[in-house]
């Protein structure tokens, strides 16, 4: 099994779940998964180094056998 990762960054201007910037990153992740033949292994939240604000999502996945 080969594990891959893909990062979805929230647009500049803030973060945090429930805020439009993180909602946009989550929607992009959902759209990508829906259009891809992958099995999700894990999703983690990426935090800023300064104030621990959520700034994106990292998806760990494997490609499904065709």
PDB file of N, CA and C in Angstrom:
ATOM      1  N   UNK A   1       0.848  -1.175   0.000  1.00  0.00           N
ATOM      2  CA  UNK A   1       0.000   0.000   0.000  1.00  0.00           C
ATOM      3  C   UNK A   1       0.894   1.239   0.000  1.00  0.00           C
ATOM      4  N   UNK A   2       0.672   2.119  -0.951  1.00  0.00           N
ATOM      5  CA  UNK A   2       1.384   3.387  -1.013  1.00  0.00           C
ATOM      6  C   UNK A   2       0.478   4.477  -0.472  1.00  0.00           C
ATOM      7  N   UNK A   3       0.956   5.176   0.532  1.00  0.00           N
ATOM      8  CA  UNK A   3       0.184   6.255   1.139  1.00  0.00           C
ATOM      9  C   UNK A   3       0.659   7.576   0.557  1.00  0.00           C
ATOM     10  N   UNK A   4      -0.289   8.390   0.124  1.00  0.00           N
ATOM     11  CA  UNK A   4      -0.013   9.704  -0.449  1.00  0.00           C
ATOM     12  C   UNK A   4      -0.642  10.760   0.441  1.00  0.00           C
ATOM     13  N   UNK A   5      -0.253  11.999   0.231  1.00  0.00           N
ATOM     14  CA  UNK A   5      -0.887  13.097   0.962  1.00  0.00           C
ATOM     15  C   UNK A   5      -1.160  14.260   0.018  1.00  0.00           C
ATOM     16  N   UNK A   6      -2.143  15.035   0.375  1.00  0.00           N
ATOM     17  CA  UNK A   6      -2.513  16.226  -0.394  1.00  0.00           C
ATOM     18  C   UNK A   6      -2.941  17.277   0.616  1.00  0.00           C
ATOM     19  N   UNK A   7      -2.490  18.510   0.410  1.00  0.00           N
ATOM     20  CA  UNK A   7      -2.793  19.599   1.332  1.00  0.00           C
ATOM     21  C   UNK A   7      -3.800  20.553   0.716  1.00  0.00           C
ATOM     22  N   UNK A   8      -4.753  20.965   1.526  1.00  0.00           N
ATOM     23  CA  UNK A   8      -5.772  21.933   1.128  1.00  0.00           C
ATOM     24  C   UNK A   8      -5.638  23.124   2.068  1.00  0.00           C
ATOM     25  N   UNK A   9      -5.142  24.235   1.542  1.00  0.00           N
ATOM     26  CA  UNK A   9      -4.908  25.432   2.357  1.00  0.00           C
ATOM     27  C   UNK A   9      -6.125  26.339   2.352  1.00  0.00           C
ATOM     28  N   UNK A  10      -6.419  26.896   3.510  1.00  0.00           N
ATOM     29  CA  UNK A  10      -7.470  27.901   3.600  1.00  0.00           C
ATOM     30  C   UNK A  10      -6.949  29.179   2.956  1.00  0.00           C
ATOM     31  N   UNK A  11      -7.802  29.923   2.249  1.00  0.00           N
ATOM     32  CA  UNK A  11      -7.370  31.198   1.678  1.00  0.00           C
ATOM     33  C   UNK A  11      -6.885  32.147   2.774  1.00  0.00           C
ATOM     34  N   UNK A  12      -6.023  33.065   2.414  1.00  0.00           N
ATOM     35  CA  UNK A  12      -5.523  34.043   3.381  1.00  0.00           C
ATOM     36  C   UNK A  12      -6.677  34.828   3.981  1.00  0.00           C
ATOM     37  N   UNK A  13      -6.481  35.266   5.192  1.00  0.00           N
ATOM     38  CA  UNK A  13      -7.504  36.091   5.822  1.00  0.00           C
ATOM     39  C   UNK A  13      -8.110  35.457   7.052  1.00  0.00           C
ATOM     40  N   UNK A  14      -7.506  34.403   7.534  1.00  0.00           N
ATOM     41  CA  UNK A  14      -8.018  33.801   8.760  1.00  0.00           C
ATOM     42  C   UNK A  14      -8.303  32.338   8.579  1.00  0.00           C
ATOM     43  N   UNK A  15      -8.677  31.738   9.637  1.00  0.00           N
ATOM     44  CA  UNK A  15      -8.971  30.313   9.609  1.00  0.00           C
ATOM     45  C   UNK A  15      -9.919  29.960  10.723  1.00  0.00           C
ATOM     46  N   UNK A  16      -9.990  28.727  11.032  1.00  0.00           N
ATOM     47  CA  UNK A  16     -10.875  28.256  12.088  1.00  0.00           C
ATOM     48  C   UNK A  16     -12.123  27.643  11.506  1.00  0.00           C
ATOM     49  N   UNK A  17     -12.482  26.477  11.997  1.00  0.00           N
ATOM     50  CA  UNK A  17     -13.685  25.824  11.498  1.00  0.00           C
ATOM     51  C   UNK A  17     -14.893  26.699  11.777  1.00  0.00           C
ATOM     52  N   UNK A  18     -15.821  26.707  10.837  1.00  0.00           N
ATOM     53  CA  UNK A  18     -16.986  27.569  10.954  1.00  0.00           C
ATOM     54  C   UNK A  18     -16.758  28.923  10.308  1.00  0.00           C
ATOM     55  N   UNK A  19     -15.508  29.221   9.979  1.00  0.00           N
ATOM     56  CA  UNK A  19     -15.196  30.469   9.289  1.00  0.00           C
ATOM     57  C   UNK A  19     -15.131  30.171   7.799  1.00  0.00           C
ATOM     58  N   UNK A  20     -15.483  31.126   6.970  1.00  0.00           N
ATOM     59  CA  UNK A  20     -15.526  30.876   5.520  1.00  0.00           C
ATOM     60  C   UNK A  20     -14.232  30.330   4.937  1.00  0.00           C
ATOM     61  N   UNK A  21     -13.080  30.746   5.449  1.00  0.00           N
ATOM     62  CA  UNK A  21     -11.815  30.297   4.876  1.00  0.00           C
ATOM     63  C   UNK A  21     -11.622  28.790   5.055  1.00  0.00           C
ATOM     64  N   UNK A  22     -11.904  28.259   6.238  1.00  0.00           N
ATOM     65  CA  UNK A  22     -11.754  26.816   6.466  1.00  0.00           C
ATOM     66  C   UNK A  22     -12.881  26.046   5.802  1.00  0.00           C
ATOM     67  N   UNK A  23     -14.065  26.632   5.752  1.00  0.00           N
ATOM     68  CA  UNK A  23     -15.168  25.975   5.052  1.00  0.00           C
ATOM     69  C   UNK A  23     -14.808  25.769   3.583  1.00  0.00           C
ATOM     70  N   UNK A  24     -14.126  26.746   2.997  1.00  0.00           N
ATOM     71  CA  UNK A  24     -13.709  26.650   1.597  1.00  0.00           C
ATOM     72  C   UNK A  24     -12.680  25.535   1.408  1.00  0.00           C
ATOM     73  N   UNK A  25     -11.725  25.417   2.318  1.00  0.00           N
ATOM     74  CA  UNK A  25     -10.726  24.348   2.240  1.00  0.00           C
ATOM     75  C   UNK A  25     -11.392  22.981   2.394  1.00  0.00           C
ATOM     76  N   UNK A  26     -12.351  22.871   3.298  1.00  0.00           N
ATOM     77  CA  UNK A  26     -13.064  21.614   3.497  1.00  0.00           C
ATOM     78  C   UNK A  26     -13.886  21.246   2.268  1.00  0.00           C
ATOM     79  N   UNK A  27     -14.523  22.225   1.644  1.00  0.00           N
ATOM     80  CA  UNK A  27     -15.302  21.955   0.437  1.00  0.00           C
ATOM     81  C   UNK A  27     -14.396  21.507  -0.704  1.00  0.00           C
ATOM     82  N   UNK A  28     -13.223  22.123  -0.831  1.00  0.00           N
ATOM     83  CA  UNK A  28     -12.268  21.717  -1.865  1.00  0.00           C
ATOM     84  C   UNK A  28     -11.821  20.273  -1.638  1.00  0.00           C
ATOM     85  N   UNK A  29     -11.538  19.914  -0.374  1.00  0.00           N
ATOM     86  CA  UNK A  29     -11.163  18.541  -0.047  1.00  0.00           C
ATOM     87  C   UNK A  29     -12.290  17.581  -0.413  1.00  0.00           C
ATOM     88  N   UNK A  30     -13.518  17.890  -0.017  1.00  0.00           N
ATOM     89  CA  UNK A  30     -14.670  17.030  -0.321  1.00  0.00           C
ATOM     90  C   UNK A  30     -14.851  16.844  -1.820  1.00  0.00           C
ATOM     91  N   UNK A  31     -14.728  17.929  -2.580  1.00  0.00           N
ATOM     92  CA  UNK A  31     -14.883  17.853  -4.035  1.00  0.00           C
ATOM     93  C   UNK A  31     -13.799  16.975  -4.654  1.00  0.00           C
ATOM     94  N   UNK A  32     -12.563  17.125  -4.178  1.00  0.00           N
ATOM     95  CA  UNK A  32     -11.460  16.345  -4.723  1.00  0.00           C
ATOM     96  C   UNK A  32     -11.665  14.858  -4.442  1.00  0.00           C
ATOM     97  N   UNK A  33     -12.042  14.518  -3.211  1.00  0.00           N
ATOM     98  CA  UNK A  33     -12.264  13.113  -2.852  1.00  0.00           C
ATOM     99  C   UNK A  33     -13.404  12.523  -3.678  1.00  0.00           C
ATOM    100  N   UNK A  34     -14.481  13.289  -3.871  1.00  0.00           N
ATOM    101  CA  UNK A  34     -15.637  12.800  -4.630  1.00  0.00           C
ATOM    102  C   UNK A  34     -15.276  12.497  -6.084  1.00  0.00           C
ATOM    103  N   UNK A  35     -14.297  13.215  -6.628  1.00  0.00           N
ATOM    104  CA  UNK A  35     -13.940  13.023  -8.034  1.00  0.00           C
ATOM    105  C   UNK A  35     -12.724  12.109  -8.220  1.00  0.00           C
ATOM    106  N   UNK A  36     -12.212  11.549  -7.136  1.00  0.00           N
ATOM    107  CA  UNK A  36     -11.011  10.715  -7.195  1.00  0.00           C
ATOM    108  C   UNK A  36     -11.318   9.302  -6.712  1.00  0.00           C
ATOM    109  N   UNK A  37     -10.553   8.362  -7.202  1.00  0.00           N
ATOM    110  CA  UNK A  37     -10.694   6.969  -6.763  1.00  0.00           C
ATOM    111  C   UNK A  37      -9.690   6.715  -5.638  1.00  0.00           C
ATOM    112  N   UNK A  38      -9.994   7.245  -4.457  1.00  0.00           N
ATOM    113  CA  UNK A  38      -9.084   7.114  -3.328  1.00  0.00           C
ATOM    114  C   UNK A  38      -9.819   6.578  -2.104  1.00  0.00           C
ATOM    115  N   UNK A  39      -9.027   6.008  -1.203  1.00  0.00           N
ATOM    116  CA  UNK A  39      -9.533   5.588   0.097  1.00  0.00           C
ATOM    117  C   UNK A  39      -8.871   6.487   1.124  1.00  0.00           C
ATOM    118  N   UNK A  40      -9.678   7.162   1.919  1.00  0.00           N
ATOM    119  CA  UNK A  40      -9.148   8.086   2.919  1.00  0.00           C
ATOM    120  C   UNK A  40      -8.573   7.294   4.085  1.00  0.00           C
ATOM    121  N   UNK A  41      -7.373   7.652   4.480  1.00  0.00           N
ATOM    122  CA  UNK A  41      -6.725   7.044   5.637  1.00  0.00           C
ATOM    123  C   UNK A  41      -6.853   7.964   6.842  1.00  0.00           C
ATOM    124  N   UNK A  42      -6.608   9.254   6.635  1.00  0.00           N
ATOM    125  CA  UNK A  42      -6.666  10.205   7.745  1.00  0.00           C
ATOM    126  C   UNK A  42      -6.765  11.622   7.189  1.00  0.00           C
ATOM    127  N   UNK A  43      -7.383  12.492   7.959  1.00  0.00           N
ATOM    128  CA  UNK A  43      -7.405  13.923   7.657  1.00  0.00           C
ATOM    129  C   UNK A  43      -6.946  14.639   8.919  1.00  0.00           C
ATOM    130  N   UNK A  44      -5.973  15.514   8.775  1.00  0.00           N
ATOM    131  CA  UNK A  44      -5.510  16.268   9.935  1.00  0.00           C
ATOM    132  C   UNK A  44      -5.617  17.758   9.666  1.00  0.00           C
ATOM    133  N   UNK A  45      -5.770  18.505  10.731  1.00  0.00           N
ATOM    134  CA  UNK A  45      -5.853  19.959  10.648  1.00  0.00           C
ATOM    135  C   UNK A  45      -4.446  20.539  10.708  1.00  0.00           C
ATOM    136  N   UNK A  46      -4.160  21.472   9.820  1.00  0.00           N
ATOM    137  CA  UNK A  46      -2.879  22.178   9.828  1.00  0.00           C
ATOM    138  C   UNK A  46      -3.085  23.479  10.593  1.00  0.00           C
ATOM    139  N   UNK A  47      -2.202  23.714  11.563  1.00  0.00           N
ATOM    140  CA  UNK A  47      -2.285  24.932  12.372  1.00  0.00           C
ATOM    141  C   UNK A  47      -1.120  25.859  12.041  1.00  0.00           C
ATOM    142  N   UNK A  48      -1.359  27.152  12.233  1.00  0.00           N
ATOM    143  CA  UNK A  48      -0.280  28.123  12.054  1.00  0.00           C
ATOM    144  C   UNK A  48       0.713  27.958  13.198  1.00  0.00           C
ATOM    145  N   UNK A  49       1.936  28.324  12.958  1.00  0.00           N
ATOM    146  CA  UNK A  49       2.951  28.225  13.994  1.00  0.00           C
ATOM    147  C   UNK A  49       2.845  29.316  15.038  1.00  0.00           C
ATOM    148  N   UNK A  50       2.200  30.419  14.676  1.00  0.00           N
ATOM    149  CA  UNK A  50       2.155  31.565  15.577  1.00  0.00           C
ATOM    150  C   UNK A  50       1.076  31.440  16.641  1.00  0.00           C
ATOM    151  N   UNK A  51      -0.164  31.280  16.206  1.00  0.00           N
ATOM    152  CA  UNK A  51      -1.263  31.328  17.171  1.00  0.00           C
ATOM    153  C   UNK A  51      -2.151  30.090  17.149  1.00  0.00           C
ATOM    154  N   UNK A  52      -1.670  29.033  16.505  1.00  0.00           N
ATOM    155  CA  UNK A  52      -2.386  27.753  16.455  1.00  0.00           C
ATOM    156  C   UNK A  52      -3.766  27.853  15.805  1.00  0.00           C
ATOM    157  N   UNK A  53      -3.945  28.827  14.926  1.00  0.00           N
ATOM    158  CA  UNK A  53      -5.185  28.951  14.164  1.00  0.00           C
ATOM    159  C   UNK A  53      -5.177  27.923  13.048  1.00  0.00           C
ATOM    160  N   UNK A  54      -6.341  27.312  12.776  1.00  0.00           N
ATOM    161  CA  UNK A  54      -6.436  26.355  11.681  1.00  0.00           C
ATOM    162  C   UNK A  54      -6.231  27.078  10.353  1.00  0.00           C
ATOM    163  N   UNK A  55      -5.307  26.569   9.539  1.00  0.00           N
ATOM    164  CA  UNK A  55      -5.008  27.212   8.257  1.00  0.00           C
ATOM    165  C   UNK A  55      -5.154  26.264   7.072  1.00  0.00           C
ATOM    166  N   UNK A  56      -5.520  25.017   7.318  1.00  0.00           N
ATOM    167  CA  UNK A  56      -5.693  24.085   6.216  1.00  0.00           C
ATOM    168  C   UNK A  56      -5.930  22.670   6.696  1.00  0.00           C
ATOM    169  N   UNK A  57      -5.996  21.772   5.723  1.00  0.00           N
ATOM    170  CA  UNK A  57      -6.238  20.357   5.991  1.00  0.00           C
ATOM    171  C   UNK A  57      -5.238  19.527   5.203  1.00  0.00           C
ATOM    172  N   UNK A  58      -4.787  18.434   5.784  1.00  0.00           N
ATOM    173  CA  UNK A  58      -3.905  17.503   5.081  1.00  0.00           C
ATOM    174  C   UNK A  58      -4.609  16.156   5.031  1.00  0.00           C
ATOM    175  N   UNK A  59      -4.773  15.649   3.828  1.00  0.00           N
ATOM    176  CA  UNK A  59      -5.459  14.393   3.577  1.00  0.00           C
ATOM    177  C   UNK A  59      -4.425  13.309   3.293  1.00  0.00           C
ATOM    178  N   UNK A  60      -4.506  12.195   4.022  1.00  0.00           N
ATOM    179  CA  UNK A  60      -3.675  11.020   3.766  1.00  0.00           C
ATOM    180  C   UNK A  60      -4.578   9.995   3.109  1.00  0.00           C
ATOM    181  N   UNK A  61      -4.140   9.449   1.976  1.00  0.00           N
ATOM    182  CA  UNK A  61      -5.008   8.563   1.207  1.00  0.00           C
ATOM    183  C   UNK A  61      -4.191   7.539   0.435  1.00  0.00           C
ATOM    184  N   UNK A  62      -4.878   6.527  -0.072  1.00  0.00           N
ATOM    185  CA  UNK A  62      -4.279   5.600  -1.026  1.00  0.00           C
ATOM    186  C   UNK A  62      -5.204   5.510  -2.221  1.00  0.00           C
ATOM    187  N   UNK A  63      -4.612   5.268  -3.372  1.00  0.00           N
ATOM    188  CA  UNK A  63      -5.385   5.146  -4.606  1.00  0.00           C
ATOM    189  C   UNK A  63      -6.009   3.759  -4.634  1.00  0.00           C
ATOM    190  N   UNK A  64      -7.311   3.707  -4.923  1.00  0.00           N
ATOM    191  CA  UNK A  64      -8.006   2.424  -5.020  1.00  0.00           C
ATOM    192  C   UNK A  64      -7.550   1.691  -6.271  1.00  0.00           C
ATOM    193  N   UNK A  65      -7.484   0.371  -6.175  1.00  0.00           N
ATOM    194  CA  UNK A  65      -7.133  -0.443  -7.343  1.00  0.00           C
ATOM    195  C   UNK A  65      -8.229  -0.323  -8.387  1.00  0.00           C
ATOM    196  N   UNK A  66      -7.828  -0.174  -9.630  1.00  0.00           N
ATOM    197  CA  UNK A  66      -8.802  -0.010 -10.715  1.00  0.00           C
ATOM    198  C   UNK A  66      -9.283  -1.343 -11.220  1.00  0.00           C
TER     199      UNK A  66
END
